Protein backbone atom coordinates (compact mmCIF):
# COMPACT_ATOMS: atom_id res chain seq x y z
CA MET A 1 -21.56 -6.95 26.28
CA ASP A 2 -22.72 -10.10 28.44
CA ALA A 3 -25.14 -12.79 28.39
CA ASP A 4 -27.83 -10.75 30.72
CA THR A 5 -28.11 -8.73 28.30
CA VAL A 6 -28.85 -7.87 24.45
CA ARG A 7 -27.64 -5.18 21.86
CA SER A 8 -29.63 -4.35 18.83
CA VAL A 9 -28.15 -2.19 16.22
CA ALA A 10 -30.27 -0.25 13.33
CA HIS A 11 -28.18 1.54 10.87
CA ASP A 12 -28.61 3.69 7.25
CA ASN A 13 -26.70 5.60 5.46
CA GLY A 14 -29.37 8.65 4.61
CA ARG A 15 -29.42 11.69 5.61
CA GLY A 16 -28.60 11.87 8.90
CA PHE A 17 -29.14 14.91 11.78
CA ASP A 18 -28.41 16.53 14.77
CA PRO A 19 -29.42 14.33 18.06
CA SER A 20 -28.22 17.40 20.22
CA ARG A 21 -30.95 19.55 18.49
CA ALA A 22 -34.66 19.54 19.60
CA TYR A 23 -37.05 17.92 17.52
CA GLU A 24 -40.63 18.13 16.87
CA GLY A 25 -42.05 14.96 17.12
CA ARG A 26 -42.27 11.54 18.98
CA GLY A 27 -40.16 8.82 17.28
CA LEU A 28 -36.25 9.46 19.45
CA ARG A 29 -38.60 10.42 22.51
CA SER A 30 -40.32 7.42 22.46
CA MET A 31 -37.50 4.76 21.50
CA ARG A 32 -35.46 6.45 24.74
CA GLU A 33 -38.76 6.40 26.92
CA ARG A 34 -39.35 2.64 25.96
CA SER A 35 -35.81 1.29 26.18
CA ALA A 36 -35.68 2.72 29.94
CA ARG A 37 -39.05 0.58 31.13
CA VAL A 38 -37.24 -2.26 30.08
CA GLY A 39 -34.01 -0.85 32.20
CA GLY A 40 -31.83 -0.35 29.01
CA GLU A 41 -29.64 2.15 27.09
CA LEU A 42 -30.46 4.11 23.87
CA LYS A 43 -27.66 5.68 21.97
CA VAL A 44 -28.15 7.34 19.11
CA GLU A 45 -24.98 8.35 16.68
CA SER A 46 -26.17 10.63 13.65
CA ALA A 47 -24.68 13.81 11.87
CA PRO A 48 -26.17 15.46 8.93
CA GLU A 49 -25.40 13.85 5.46
CA ARG A 50 -23.05 10.76 7.20
CA GLY A 51 -26.58 8.44 8.22
CA THR A 52 -27.23 7.33 11.30
CA THR A 53 -26.87 4.12 13.85
CA ILE A 54 -29.02 3.52 17.03
CA VAL A 55 -28.02 0.88 20.11
CA LEU A 56 -30.35 -0.83 22.18
CA ARG A 57 -28.63 -2.59 25.34
CA ALA A 58 -30.63 -3.92 27.60
CA PRO A 59 -30.84 -6.59 30.16
CA LEU A 60 -32.31 -9.07 29.51
CA THR A 61 -34.26 -10.81 31.97
CA ARG A 62 -36.48 -13.64 33.00
CA HIS A 63 -39.53 -10.74 32.84
CA LEU A 64 -38.06 -9.58 29.21
CA LEU A 65 -38.08 -13.50 28.23
CA ALA A 66 -41.56 -14.22 29.31
CA LYS A 67 -43.02 -11.95 27.01
CA SER A 68 -42.09 -10.56 23.67
CA LEU A 69 -40.12 -7.81 23.15
CA HIS A 70 -43.10 -6.52 20.79
CA GLU A 71 -45.82 -6.88 24.37
CA ARG A 72 -43.15 -5.48 26.76
CA ILE A 73 -42.60 -2.11 24.76
CA GLY A 74 -45.10 -2.38 22.41
CA GLY A 75 -45.33 -1.15 18.44
CA LEU A 76 -42.30 -3.04 17.00
CA ALA A 77 -43.12 -5.66 14.80
CA PRO A 78 -41.46 -8.91 15.70
CA PHE A 79 -38.17 -10.18 14.34
CA ARG A 80 -38.44 -13.24 12.45
CA ARG A 81 -35.02 -15.67 11.67
CA THR A 82 -34.72 -16.56 8.19
CA ARG A 83 -32.09 -17.38 5.45
CA ASN A 84 -30.33 -15.37 2.46
CA SER A 85 -29.22 -17.22 -0.50
CA ARG A 86 -25.81 -18.08 1.07
CA GLY A 87 -28.25 -20.04 3.73
CA THR A 88 -27.19 -18.19 6.92
CA ALA A 89 -28.98 -17.07 9.07
CA ARG A 90 -29.95 -13.79 9.76
CA VAL A 91 -32.47 -11.98 11.63
CA GLY A 92 -35.24 -9.15 9.50
């Protein structure tokens, strides 16, 4: 990954699913569409009873910097930087 790329990872240790199967609904399809809209790539790793990891990798362009991620791909709550009990920064 280089300085012109943003990478976001979401992981849970929940029920998981088989990503090769077609599912009703818009969740993953919508995330893939929004990723493509910003020139990014969405990778989904999951297996039944093993949780899910979703990785978004997208170019960090001037246009993307000029608009918030929320405005650009819509529907996501903006991230905010907070401090945990150890005083280290985290995004959540």
